[in-house]
Amino acid sequence: MTNCYLIGNPETDELLIFDPGADAQAIKDAVRDMGMKPVAILLTHGHFDHVGAVRNLKAEYGIPVIAGEEEKQILSDIDAVLPVIFRESYPDLDVFRIEPERFVQNGDLIEIAGMYVTCLHTPGHTAGSYSYFFPAEGLVVSGDTLFMESVGRTDFPTGSNEELLKAITEVLYELPEETVVLPGHGPATNIGYEKRYNLYTWKKK
């Protein structure tokens, strides 16, 4: 039940794959239907439900994997990527061993697939969680940091509720209110709506 996003640029016929958590074939089918060429896989964080199809897609398309610099610790620790409580459902641990080709840092503005993407460090769900903001398109891929009327859990390794709320209120809520939020789970929302109706971050004025 993780959201994988394919964000394409019709001017270049290239697309980006965000958080391919599982079902690589379904993602390949969607890529084929879009008729565009994948050029990179971007990860909001390293948990198993966001990286399960990475190795398959990387081998299929020969494209690099991009993640946040601060997520190296999670990605190098299989117990952090796939907590023991979920281990019985996934006997093949190798699919979760991810080694990104590129690590980004907070504030990096990268040009990829003919689009500009601002890399925002939004820790809390994990120490290296990142959100990817497309300023021209007016959207942000928020991973498990911000959901519609909810926020990400913080009880996994490197999680912090204080850091999570700070990242949302001081980073994501500073984006234009009309910015569309594409979360790691559940329906899309926008920054203005969450500032008004998300009870986890609401503060009485």
N, C-alpha and C. Protein backbone atom coordinates (compact mmCIF):
# COMPACT_ATOMS: atom_id res chain seq x y z
N MET A 1 0.82 -1.21 0.00
CA MET A 1 0.00 0.00 0.00
C MET A 1 0.86 1.27 0.00
N THR A 2 2.06 1.16 -0.56
CA THR A 2 2.93 2.33 -0.68
C THR A 2 2.73 2.98 -2.03
N ASN A 3 2.76 4.30 -2.06
CA ASN A 3 2.64 5.03 -3.32
C ASN A 3 3.98 5.11 -4.03
N CYS A 4 4.02 4.61 -5.25
CA CYS A 4 5.17 4.81 -6.13
C CYS A 4 4.74 5.81 -7.19
N TYR A 5 5.54 6.84 -7.41
CA TYR A 5 5.18 7.88 -8.36
C TYR A 5 6.09 7.86 -9.59
N LEU A 6 5.49 8.00 -10.75
CA LEU A 6 6.21 8.19 -12.00
C LEU A 6 5.92 9.61 -12.46
N ILE A 7 6.93 10.44 -12.42
CA ILE A 7 6.76 11.84 -12.81
C ILE A 7 7.53 12.08 -14.10
N GLY A 8 6.78 12.36 -15.18
CA GLY A 8 7.39 12.46 -16.49
C GLY A 8 7.37 13.86 -17.06
N ASN A 9 8.29 14.09 -17.97
CA ASN A 9 8.38 15.36 -18.67
C ASN A 9 8.08 15.12 -20.15
N PRO A 10 6.93 15.53 -20.65
CA PRO A 10 6.58 15.28 -22.04
C PRO A 10 7.49 15.99 -23.04
N GLU A 11 8.21 16.99 -22.58
CA GLU A 11 9.11 17.71 -23.49
C GLU A 11 10.37 16.91 -23.78
N THR A 12 10.79 16.08 -22.81
CA THR A 12 12.00 15.27 -23.00
C THR A 12 11.69 13.78 -23.14
N ASP A 13 10.43 13.41 -22.88
CA ASP A 13 10.03 12.00 -22.86
C ASP A 13 10.83 11.19 -21.84
N GLU A 14 11.20 11.84 -20.75
CA GLU A 14 11.92 11.18 -19.67
C GLU A 14 11.08 11.20 -18.40
N LEU A 15 11.32 10.22 -17.52
CA LEU A 15 10.56 10.20 -16.28
C LEU A 15 11.42 9.78 -15.11
N LEU A 16 10.94 10.14 -13.92
CA LEU A 16 11.59 9.79 -12.66
C LEU A 16 10.70 8.82 -11.91
N ILE A 17 11.32 7.84 -11.26
CA ILE A 17 10.59 6.87 -10.46
C ILE A 17 10.87 7.15 -8.99
N PHE A 18 9.81 7.38 -8.22
CA PHE A 18 9.95 7.66 -6.79
C PHE A 18 9.44 6.49 -5.96
N ASP A 19 10.26 6.01 -5.05
CA ASP A 19 9.88 5.01 -4.05
C ASP A 19 9.19 3.78 -4.63
N PRO A 20 9.90 3.02 -5.47
CA PRO A 20 9.32 1.77 -5.99
C PRO A 20 9.38 0.68 -4.92
N GLY A 21 8.29 0.54 -4.18
CA GLY A 21 8.32 -0.34 -3.00
C GLY A 21 8.13 -1.80 -3.30
N ALA A 22 7.40 -2.14 -4.35
CA ALA A 22 7.12 -3.53 -4.66
C ALA A 22 6.53 -3.62 -6.06
N ASP A 23 6.28 -4.87 -6.51
CA ASP A 23 5.62 -5.13 -7.79
C ASP A 23 6.32 -4.43 -8.94
N ALA A 24 7.56 -4.83 -9.18
CA ALA A 24 8.34 -4.21 -10.25
C ALA A 24 7.65 -4.33 -11.60
N GLN A 25 6.96 -5.44 -11.85
CA GLN A 25 6.32 -5.62 -13.15
C GLN A 25 5.21 -4.59 -13.37
N ALA A 26 4.44 -4.31 -12.33
CA ALA A 26 3.38 -3.30 -12.45
C ALA A 26 3.97 -1.93 -12.77
N ILE A 27 5.12 -1.63 -12.18
CA ILE A 27 5.78 -0.35 -12.45
C ILE A 27 6.30 -0.32 -13.88
N LYS A 28 6.87 -1.42 -14.34
CA LYS A 28 7.35 -1.50 -15.72
C LYS A 28 6.19 -1.32 -16.70
N ASP A 29 5.06 -1.93 -16.38
CA ASP A 29 3.90 -1.79 -17.25
C ASP A 29 3.45 -0.33 -17.32
N ALA A 30 3.48 0.34 -16.17
CA ALA A 30 3.08 1.75 -16.14
C ALA A 30 4.07 2.61 -16.93
N VAL A 31 5.36 2.30 -16.81
CA VAL A 31 6.38 3.02 -17.57
C VAL A 31 6.14 2.84 -19.06
N ARG A 32 5.86 1.61 -19.46
CA ARG A 32 5.59 1.33 -20.88
C ARG A 32 4.38 2.11 -21.37
N ASP A 33 3.34 2.14 -20.56
CA ASP A 33 2.12 2.85 -20.95
C ASP A 33 2.36 4.35 -21.10
N MET A 34 3.28 4.90 -20.29
CA MET A 34 3.58 6.32 -20.39
C MET A 34 4.41 6.63 -21.64
N GLY A 35 5.14 5.64 -22.13
CA GLY A 35 5.94 5.84 -23.33
C GLY A 35 7.13 6.75 -23.13
N MET A 36 7.63 6.80 -21.90
CA MET A 36 8.77 7.65 -21.59
C MET A 36 9.93 6.81 -21.05
N LYS A 37 11.11 7.40 -21.07
CA LYS A 37 12.33 6.71 -20.66
C LYS A 37 12.67 7.04 -19.21
N PRO A 38 12.76 6.05 -18.30
CA PRO A 38 13.19 6.32 -16.93
C PRO A 38 14.67 6.74 -16.91
N VAL A 39 14.98 7.75 -16.10
CA VAL A 39 16.37 8.21 -16.02
C VAL A 39 16.94 8.14 -14.61
N ALA A 40 16.08 7.94 -13.60
CA ALA A 40 16.60 7.84 -12.23
C ALA A 40 15.50 7.32 -11.30
N ILE A 41 15.95 6.70 -10.20
CA ILE A 41 15.07 6.30 -9.11
C ILE A 41 15.43 7.17 -7.92
N LEU A 42 14.45 7.86 -7.36
CA LEU A 42 14.68 8.71 -6.19
C LEU A 42 13.96 8.13 -4.98
N LEU A 43 14.67 8.08 -3.86
CA LEU A 43 14.12 7.52 -2.63
C LEU A 43 13.89 8.61 -1.60
N THR A 44 12.71 8.62 -1.01
CA THR A 44 12.46 9.57 0.08
C THR A 44 13.11 9.07 1.37
N HIS A 45 13.22 7.74 1.51
CA HIS A 45 13.92 7.14 2.64
C HIS A 45 14.13 5.67 2.34
N GLY A 46 14.76 4.94 3.27
CA GLY A 46 15.22 3.59 2.95
C GLY A 46 14.41 2.44 3.46
N HIS A 47 13.21 2.63 3.97
CA HIS A 47 12.43 1.51 4.48
C HIS A 47 12.00 0.55 3.38
N PHE A 48 11.85 -0.72 3.75
CA PHE A 48 11.59 -1.79 2.80
C PHE A 48 10.40 -1.55 1.89
N ASP A 49 9.36 -0.92 2.42
CA ASP A 49 8.16 -0.73 1.61
C ASP A 49 8.30 0.40 0.60
N HIS A 50 9.47 1.02 0.57
CA HIS A 50 9.74 2.07 -0.41
C HIS A 50 10.88 1.70 -1.36
N VAL A 51 11.55 0.57 -1.11
CA VAL A 51 12.72 0.22 -1.92
C VAL A 51 12.68 -1.19 -2.51
N GLY A 52 11.60 -1.93 -2.27
CA GLY A 52 11.58 -3.34 -2.63
C GLY A 52 11.78 -3.65 -4.11
N ALA A 53 11.43 -2.75 -4.99
CA ALA A 53 11.59 -3.00 -6.43
C ALA A 53 12.79 -2.27 -7.03
N VAL A 54 13.58 -1.63 -6.20
CA VAL A 54 14.69 -0.81 -6.71
C VAL A 54 15.69 -1.64 -7.52
N ARG A 55 16.14 -2.74 -6.97
CA ARG A 55 17.18 -3.51 -7.66
C ARG A 55 16.68 -4.04 -9.01
N ASN A 56 15.45 -4.49 -9.05
CA ASN A 56 14.88 -4.99 -10.30
C ASN A 56 14.81 -3.90 -11.36
N LEU A 57 14.31 -2.72 -10.98
CA LEU A 57 14.16 -1.63 -11.93
C LEU A 57 15.52 -1.06 -12.34
N LYS A 58 16.43 -1.02 -11.41
CA LYS A 58 17.78 -0.54 -11.71
C LYS A 58 18.44 -1.43 -12.76
N ALA A 59 18.26 -2.75 -12.61
CA ALA A 59 18.83 -3.69 -13.58
C ALA A 59 18.12 -3.59 -14.93
N GLU A 60 16.82 -3.38 -14.90
CA GLU A 60 16.03 -3.30 -16.14
C GLU A 60 16.41 -2.08 -16.97
N TYR A 61 16.56 -0.93 -16.30
CA TYR A 61 16.74 0.32 -17.04
C TYR A 61 18.17 0.87 -16.99
N GLY A 62 19.01 0.31 -16.13
CA GLY A 62 20.38 0.81 -16.03
C GLY A 62 20.46 2.24 -15.56
N ILE A 63 19.64 2.60 -14.57
CA ILE A 63 19.56 3.98 -14.11
C ILE A 63 20.05 4.11 -12.67
N PRO A 64 20.51 5.30 -12.29
CA PRO A 64 21.04 5.49 -10.94
C PRO A 64 19.94 5.64 -9.89
N VAL A 65 20.33 5.35 -8.66
CA VAL A 65 19.46 5.53 -7.50
C VAL A 65 19.96 6.73 -6.72
N ILE A 66 19.04 7.60 -6.33
CA ILE A 66 19.39 8.83 -5.60
C ILE A 66 18.69 8.81 -4.25
N ALA A 67 19.42 9.17 -3.18
CA ALA A 67 18.85 9.22 -1.83
C ALA A 67 19.53 10.33 -1.05
N GLY A 68 19.00 10.61 0.12
CA GLY A 68 19.57 11.65 0.96
C GLY A 68 20.85 11.20 1.65
N GLU A 69 21.79 12.12 1.77
CA GLU A 69 23.08 11.83 2.37
C GLU A 69 22.93 11.21 3.77
N GLU A 70 21.99 11.72 4.54
CA GLU A 70 21.83 11.29 5.92
C GLU A 70 21.18 9.92 6.04
N GLU A 71 20.75 9.32 4.91
CA GLU A 71 20.10 8.02 4.95
C GLU A 71 21.07 6.86 4.74
N LYS A 72 22.36 7.16 4.63
CA LYS A 72 23.36 6.11 4.45
C LYS A 72 23.30 5.08 5.57
N GLN A 73 23.09 5.55 6.80
CA GLN A 73 23.05 4.65 7.95
C GLN A 73 21.93 3.62 7.82
N ILE A 74 20.74 4.09 7.44
CA ILE A 74 19.60 3.18 7.28
C ILE A 74 19.87 2.20 6.14
N LEU A 75 20.28 2.70 5.00
CA LEU A 75 20.45 1.87 3.82
C LEU A 75 21.54 0.82 3.97
N SER A 76 22.49 1.06 4.86
CA SER A 76 23.58 0.11 5.08
C SER A 76 23.27 -0.91 6.17
N ASP A 77 22.10 -0.83 6.77
CA ASP A 77 21.71 -1.70 7.88
C ASP A 77 20.42 -2.42 7.53
N ILE A 78 20.51 -3.70 7.14
CA ILE A 78 19.33 -4.43 6.70
C ILE A 78 18.27 -4.51 7.79
N ASP A 79 18.67 -4.49 9.05
CA ASP A 79 17.69 -4.53 10.14
C ASP A 79 16.90 -3.23 10.25
N ALA A 80 17.50 -2.14 9.77
CA ALA A 80 16.79 -0.87 9.76
C ALA A 80 15.90 -0.76 8.53
N VAL A 81 16.38 -1.29 7.40
CA VAL A 81 15.59 -1.28 6.17
C VAL A 81 14.37 -2.18 6.32
N LEU A 82 14.59 -3.38 6.85
CA LEU A 82 13.52 -4.36 7.02
C LEU A 82 13.49 -4.81 8.47
N PRO A 83 12.72 -4.13 9.32
CA PRO A 83 12.64 -4.50 10.73
C PRO A 83 12.23 -5.96 10.91
N VAL A 84 12.72 -6.57 11.96
CA VAL A 84 12.51 -8.00 12.21
C VAL A 84 11.03 -8.36 12.23
N ILE A 85 10.18 -7.47 12.68
CA ILE A 85 8.76 -7.79 12.78
C ILE A 85 8.12 -8.06 11.42
N PHE A 86 8.78 -7.63 10.33
CA PHE A 86 8.25 -7.86 8.99
C PHE A 86 9.02 -8.96 8.25
N ARG A 87 10.03 -9.54 8.89
CA ARG A 87 10.98 -10.41 8.21
C ARG A 87 10.34 -11.67 7.61
N GLU A 88 9.36 -12.26 8.28
CA GLU A 88 8.77 -13.51 7.81
C GLU A 88 8.11 -13.36 6.45
N SER A 89 7.63 -12.19 6.13
CA SER A 89 6.94 -11.98 4.86
C SER A 89 7.91 -11.78 3.70
N TYR A 90 9.19 -11.59 3.98
CA TYR A 90 10.16 -11.28 2.94
C TYR A 90 11.42 -12.12 3.13
N PRO A 91 11.41 -13.38 2.66
CA PRO A 91 12.56 -14.27 2.88
C PRO A 91 13.82 -13.87 2.11
N ASP A 92 13.66 -13.16 0.99
CA ASP A 92 14.82 -12.76 0.18
C ASP A 92 15.28 -11.37 0.60
N LEU A 93 16.26 -11.31 1.48
CA LEU A 93 16.73 -10.03 1.99
C LEU A 93 17.54 -9.25 0.97
N ASP A 94 18.10 -9.94 -0.02
CA ASP A 94 18.98 -9.26 -0.97
C ASP A 94 18.27 -8.15 -1.74
N VAL A 95 16.96 -8.28 -1.96
CA VAL A 95 16.26 -7.25 -2.73
C VAL A 95 16.25 -5.91 -1.99
N PHE A 96 16.50 -5.95 -0.70
CA PHE A 96 16.46 -4.72 0.10
C PHE A 96 17.85 -4.12 0.34
N ARG A 97 18.86 -4.72 -0.25
CA ARG A 97 20.22 -4.18 -0.10
C ARG A 97 20.45 -3.17 -1.21
N ILE A 98 20.32 -1.90 -0.87
CA ILE A 98 20.36 -0.82 -1.86
C ILE A 98 21.61 0.02 -1.67
N GLU A 99 22.31 0.27 -2.77
CA GLU A 99 23.49 1.13 -2.75
C GLU A 99 23.30 2.25 -3.78
N PRO A 100 22.82 3.41 -3.35
CA PRO A 100 22.60 4.52 -4.28
C PRO A 100 23.89 4.97 -4.96
N GLU A 101 23.75 5.42 -6.18
CA GLU A 101 24.89 5.99 -6.91
C GLU A 101 25.13 7.44 -6.53
N ARG A 102 24.09 8.09 -6.03
CA ARG A 102 24.22 9.51 -5.71
C ARG A 102 23.47 9.84 -4.43
N PHE A 103 24.13 10.61 -3.58
CA PHE A 103 23.50 11.10 -2.37
C PHE A 103 23.38 12.63 -2.45
N VAL A 104 22.19 13.14 -2.16
CA VAL A 104 21.97 14.57 -2.20
C VAL A 104 21.96 15.15 -0.80
N GLN A 105 22.14 16.46 -0.73
CA GLN A 105 22.14 17.15 0.55
C GLN A 105 21.04 18.20 0.57
N ASN A 106 20.72 18.65 1.76
CA ASN A 106 19.64 19.61 1.93
C ASN A 106 19.86 20.87 1.09
N GLY A 107 18.85 21.24 0.35
CA GLY A 107 18.93 22.45 -0.46
C GLY A 107 19.48 22.25 -1.84
N ASP A 108 19.96 21.05 -2.15
CA ASP A 108 20.47 20.80 -3.50
C ASP A 108 19.37 21.02 -4.52
N LEU A 109 19.70 21.74 -5.58
CA LEU A 109 18.80 21.91 -6.71
C LEU A 109 19.39 21.12 -7.86
N ILE A 110 18.71 20.04 -8.23
CA ILE A 110 19.23 19.19 -9.29
C ILE A 110 18.35 19.32 -10.54
N GLU A 111 18.99 19.25 -11.68
CA GLU A 111 18.26 19.24 -12.94
C GLU A 111 18.28 17.82 -13.48
N ILE A 112 17.10 17.24 -13.64
CA ILE A 112 17.02 15.85 -14.06
C ILE A 112 15.73 15.64 -14.83
N ALA A 113 15.81 14.88 -15.90
CA ALA A 113 14.67 14.67 -16.80
C ALA A 113 14.11 15.99 -17.32
N GLY A 114 14.98 16.98 -17.44
CA GLY A 114 14.55 18.27 -17.94
C GLY A 114 13.75 19.09 -16.95
N MET A 115 13.77 18.68 -15.68
CA MET A 115 13.04 19.38 -14.62
C MET A 115 13.99 19.75 -13.49
N TYR A 116 13.62 20.79 -12.77
CA TYR A 116 14.40 21.19 -11.60
C TYR A 116 13.72 20.64 -10.35
N VAL A 117 14.53 20.05 -9.47
CA VAL A 117 14.03 19.45 -8.25
C VAL A 117 14.87 19.94 -7.07
N THR A 118 14.19 20.48 -6.06
CA THR A 118 14.88 20.91 -4.84
C THR A 118 14.80 19.79 -3.81
N CYS A 119 15.94 19.39 -3.29
CA CYS A 119 16.01 18.29 -2.33
C CYS A 119 15.94 18.87 -0.91
N LEU A 120 14.90 18.50 -0.19
CA LEU A 120 14.65 19.04 1.14
C LEU A 120 14.83 17.97 2.20
N HIS A 121 15.76 18.17 3.10
CA HIS A 121 15.96 17.24 4.20
C HIS A 121 14.81 17.41 5.19
N THR A 122 14.00 16.37 5.34
CA THR A 122 12.84 16.43 6.25
C THR A 122 12.89 15.24 7.20
N PRO A 123 13.81 15.25 8.16
CA PRO A 123 13.99 14.11 9.06
C PRO A 123 12.84 13.97 10.04
N GLY A 124 12.81 12.80 10.67
CA GLY A 124 11.80 12.53 11.67
C GLY A 124 11.26 11.12 11.54
N HIS A 125 10.79 10.78 10.34
CA HIS A 125 10.41 9.39 10.08
C HIS A 125 11.66 8.53 10.09
N THR A 126 12.68 8.99 9.41
CA THR A 126 14.06 8.50 9.55
C THR A 126 14.96 9.73 9.53
N ALA A 127 16.19 9.54 9.96
CA ALA A 127 17.12 10.67 10.02
C ALA A 127 17.43 11.23 8.65
N GLY A 128 17.34 10.38 7.62
CA GLY A 128 17.69 10.83 6.28
C GLY A 128 16.52 10.96 5.34
N SER A 129 15.34 11.13 5.87
CA SER A 129 14.17 11.32 5.01
C SER A 129 14.29 12.62 4.21
N TYR A 130 13.95 12.54 2.94
CA TYR A 130 13.97 13.71 2.06
C TYR A 130 12.64 13.87 1.36
N SER A 131 12.29 15.12 1.11
CA SER A 131 11.14 15.45 0.26
C SER A 131 11.69 16.13 -0.98
N TYR A 132 11.04 15.89 -2.11
CA TYR A 132 11.53 16.42 -3.39
C TYR A 132 10.49 17.39 -3.95
N PHE A 133 10.91 18.64 -4.05
CA PHE A 133 10.01 19.73 -4.45
C PHE A 133 10.28 20.14 -5.89
N PHE A 134 9.22 20.15 -6.69
CA PHE A 134 9.29 20.59 -8.07
C PHE A 134 8.70 22.00 -8.12
N PRO A 135 9.52 23.05 -8.08
CA PRO A 135 8.98 24.41 -8.00
C PRO A 135 8.16 24.82 -9.21
N ALA A 136 8.59 24.45 -10.40
CA ALA A 136 7.85 24.86 -11.60
C ALA A 136 6.52 24.13 -11.72
N GLU A 137 6.49 22.88 -11.29
CA GLU A 137 5.28 22.08 -11.39
C GLU A 137 4.37 22.23 -10.17
N GLY A 138 4.90 22.79 -9.09
CA GLY A 138 4.09 23.02 -7.90
C GLY A 138 3.70 21.77 -7.17
N LEU A 139 4.65 20.84 -7.00
CA LEU A 139 4.34 19.63 -6.26
C LEU A 139 5.56 19.18 -5.46
N VAL A 140 5.29 18.40 -4.40
CA VAL A 140 6.35 17.88 -3.57
C VAL A 140 6.05 16.42 -3.24
N VAL A 141 7.05 15.57 -3.41
CA VAL A 141 6.95 14.17 -3.02
C VAL A 141 7.46 14.08 -1.58
N SER A 142 6.56 13.79 -0.64
CA SER A 142 6.90 13.93 0.78
C SER A 142 7.24 12.63 1.48
N GLY A 143 7.15 11.50 0.79
CA GLY A 143 7.46 10.23 1.45
C GLY A 143 6.57 9.99 2.66
N ASP A 144 7.17 9.52 3.74
CA ASP A 144 6.40 9.23 4.96
C ASP A 144 6.55 10.35 5.99
N THR A 145 6.79 11.56 5.52
CA THR A 145 6.87 12.71 6.43
C THR A 145 5.49 13.30 6.65
N LEU A 146 4.80 13.65 5.58
CA LEU A 146 3.50 14.30 5.68
C LEU A 146 2.47 13.55 4.86
N PHE A 147 1.34 13.23 5.49
CA PHE A 147 0.21 12.60 4.83
C PHE A 147 -1.00 13.53 4.89
N MET A 148 -2.06 13.17 4.19
CA MET A 148 -3.30 13.92 4.32
C MET A 148 -3.83 13.76 5.75
N GLU A 149 -3.90 14.87 6.46
CA GLU A 149 -4.41 14.93 7.83
C GLU A 149 -3.66 14.00 8.78
N SER A 150 -2.42 13.70 8.47
CA SER A 150 -1.63 12.83 9.34
C SER A 150 -0.14 13.08 9.10
N VAL A 151 0.69 12.37 9.88
CA VAL A 151 2.14 12.48 9.74
C VAL A 151 2.74 11.08 9.86
N GLY A 152 4.01 10.95 9.52
CA GLY A 152 4.67 9.66 9.57
C GLY A 152 4.95 9.20 10.99
N ARG A 153 5.08 7.88 11.14
CA ARG A 153 5.41 7.32 12.44
C ARG A 153 6.89 7.55 12.74
N THR A 154 7.23 7.55 14.01
CA THR A 154 8.60 7.88 14.41
C THR A 154 9.20 6.84 15.35
N ASP A 155 8.64 5.64 15.38
CA ASP A 155 9.10 4.62 16.32
C ASP A 155 10.07 3.62 15.71
N PHE A 156 10.54 3.86 14.48
CA PHE A 156 11.56 3.02 13.87
C PHE A 156 12.94 3.65 14.11
N PRO A 157 14.04 2.90 13.86
CA PRO A 157 15.38 3.43 14.08
C PRO A 157 15.60 4.78 13.41
N THR A 158 16.21 5.69 14.14
CA THR A 158 16.56 7.08 13.78
C THR A 158 15.35 8.00 13.71
N GLY A 159 14.16 7.50 14.08
CA GLY A 159 12.97 8.34 14.06
C GLY A 159 12.93 9.32 15.22
N SER A 160 12.25 10.44 15.04
CA SER A 160 12.13 11.46 16.08
C SER A 160 10.87 12.28 15.83
N ASN A 161 9.94 12.25 16.77
CA ASN A 161 8.72 13.01 16.61
C ASN A 161 9.00 14.51 16.58
N GLU A 162 9.93 14.94 17.41
CA GLU A 162 10.27 16.36 17.45
C GLU A 162 10.84 16.82 16.12
N GLU A 163 11.74 16.02 15.55
CA GLU A 163 12.33 16.37 14.27
C GLU A 163 11.29 16.34 13.15
N LEU A 164 10.38 15.37 13.22
CA LEU A 164 9.35 15.26 12.19
C LEU A 164 8.47 16.50 12.15
N LEU A 165 7.96 16.90 13.30
CA LEU A 165 7.08 18.07 13.34
C LEU A 165 7.82 19.33 12.94
N LYS A 166 9.09 19.42 13.31
CA LYS A 166 9.89 20.57 12.91
C LYS A 166 10.08 20.60 11.40
N ALA A 167 10.33 19.44 10.81
CA ALA A 167 10.52 19.38 9.35
C ALA A 167 9.26 19.79 8.62
N ILE A 168 8.12 19.36 9.13
CA ILE A 168 6.86 19.70 8.47
C ILE A 168 6.56 21.19 8.59
N THR A 169 6.64 21.70 9.82
CA THR A 169 6.22 23.09 10.05
C THR A 169 7.24 24.11 9.56
N GLU A 170 8.53 23.76 9.59
CA GLU A 170 9.56 24.73 9.23
C GLU A 170 10.10 24.55 7.81
N VAL A 171 9.80 23.42 7.19
CA VAL A 171 10.29 23.19 5.82
C VAL A 171 9.10 23.06 4.85
N LEU A 172 8.30 22.03 5.02
CA LEU A 172 7.21 21.79 4.07
C LEU A 172 6.15 22.89 4.13
N TYR A 173 5.83 23.36 5.32
CA TYR A 173 4.80 24.40 5.43
C TYR A 173 5.27 25.76 4.95
N GLU A 174 6.54 25.87 4.62
CA GLU A 174 7.05 27.10 4.02
C GLU A 174 6.90 27.11 2.51
N LEU A 175 6.51 25.98 1.94
CA LEU A 175 6.25 25.93 0.50
C LEU A 175 4.94 26.65 0.19
N PRO A 176 4.73 27.07 -1.04
CA PRO A 176 3.47 27.73 -1.40
C PRO A 176 2.27 26.86 -1.03
N GLU A 177 1.21 27.49 -0.54
CA GLU A 177 0.06 26.74 -0.05
C GLU A 177 -0.59 25.89 -1.13
N GLU A 178 -0.47 26.29 -2.38
CA GLU A 178 -1.09 25.52 -3.46
C GLU A 178 -0.27 24.31 -3.87
N THR A 179 0.90 24.12 -3.27
CA THR A 179 1.76 22.99 -3.61
C THR A 179 1.05 21.67 -3.36
N VAL A 180 0.99 20.83 -4.37
CA VAL A 180 0.39 19.50 -4.23
C VAL A 180 1.38 18.59 -3.50
N VAL A 181 0.87 17.87 -2.50
CA VAL A 181 1.69 16.95 -1.72
C VAL A 181 1.39 15.53 -2.17
N LEU A 182 2.43 14.82 -2.61
CA LEU A 182 2.31 13.42 -3.00
C LEU A 182 2.96 12.58 -1.90
N PRO A 183 2.16 12.01 -1.00
CA PRO A 183 2.71 11.30 0.16
C PRO A 183 3.04 9.84 -0.13
N GLY A 184 3.77 9.23 0.79
CA GLY A 184 4.15 7.83 0.64
C GLY A 184 3.01 6.86 0.79
N HIS A 185 1.95 7.28 1.44
CA HIS A 185 0.77 6.44 1.62
C HIS A 185 -0.46 7.34 1.59
N GLY A 186 -1.56 6.81 1.07
CA GLY A 186 -2.81 7.56 1.09
C GLY A 186 -2.93 8.57 -0.04
N PRO A 187 -4.01 9.37 -0.01
CA PRO A 187 -4.31 10.29 -1.10
C PRO A 187 -3.44 11.54 -1.09
N ALA A 188 -3.40 12.20 -2.23
CA ALA A 188 -2.68 13.47 -2.35
C ALA A 188 -3.42 14.55 -1.57
N THR A 189 -2.69 15.60 -1.24
CA THR A 189 -3.26 16.73 -0.53
C THR A 189 -2.53 17.99 -0.99
N ASN A 190 -2.61 19.08 -0.26
CA ASN A 190 -1.81 20.25 -0.57
C ASN A 190 -1.40 20.95 0.71
N ILE A 191 -0.40 21.78 0.62
CA ILE A 191 0.18 22.41 1.80
C ILE A 191 -0.84 23.26 2.55
N GLY A 192 -1.61 24.05 1.82
CA GLY A 192 -2.60 24.90 2.48
C GLY A 192 -3.61 24.11 3.29
N TYR A 193 -4.08 23.01 2.72
CA TYR A 193 -5.05 22.17 3.42
C TYR A 193 -4.46 21.61 4.71
N GLU A 194 -3.22 21.11 4.63
CA GLU A 194 -2.60 20.51 5.82
C GLU A 194 -2.34 21.55 6.91
N LYS A 195 -1.96 22.73 6.53
CA LYS A 195 -1.74 23.78 7.52
C LYS A 195 -3.02 24.09 8.28
N ARG A 196 -4.15 23.95 7.61
CA ARG A 196 -5.43 24.26 8.24
C ARG A 196 -6.04 23.08 8.99
N TYR A 197 -5.87 21.85 8.47
CA TYR A 197 -6.67 20.74 8.97
C TYR A 197 -5.87 19.57 9.54
N ASN A 198 -4.56 19.62 9.48
CA ASN A 198 -3.78 18.52 10.04
C ASN A 198 -3.61 18.74 11.54
N LEU A 199 -4.32 17.96 12.33
CA LEU A 199 -4.32 18.17 13.79
C LEU A 199 -2.99 17.83 14.45
N TYR A 200 -2.18 17.04 13.76
CA TYR A 200 -0.87 16.69 14.32
C TYR A 200 0.08 17.88 14.34
N THR A 201 -0.15 18.83 13.46
CA THR A 201 0.75 19.98 13.37
C THR A 201 0.06 21.29 13.70
N TRP A 202 -1.24 21.22 13.97
CA TRP A 202 -2.00 22.46 14.18
C TRP A 202 -1.63 23.11 15.51
N LYS A 203 -1.46 24.42 15.47
CA LYS A 203 -1.17 25.17 16.68
C LYS A 203 -2.18 26.32 16.82
N LYS A 204 -2.69 26.48 18.00
CA LYS A 204 -3.65 27.55 18.24
C LYS A 204 -2.91 28.87 18.21
N LYS A 205 -3.48 29.83 17.50
CA LYS A 205 -2.85 31.14 17.39
C LYS A 205 -3.53 32.15 18.32
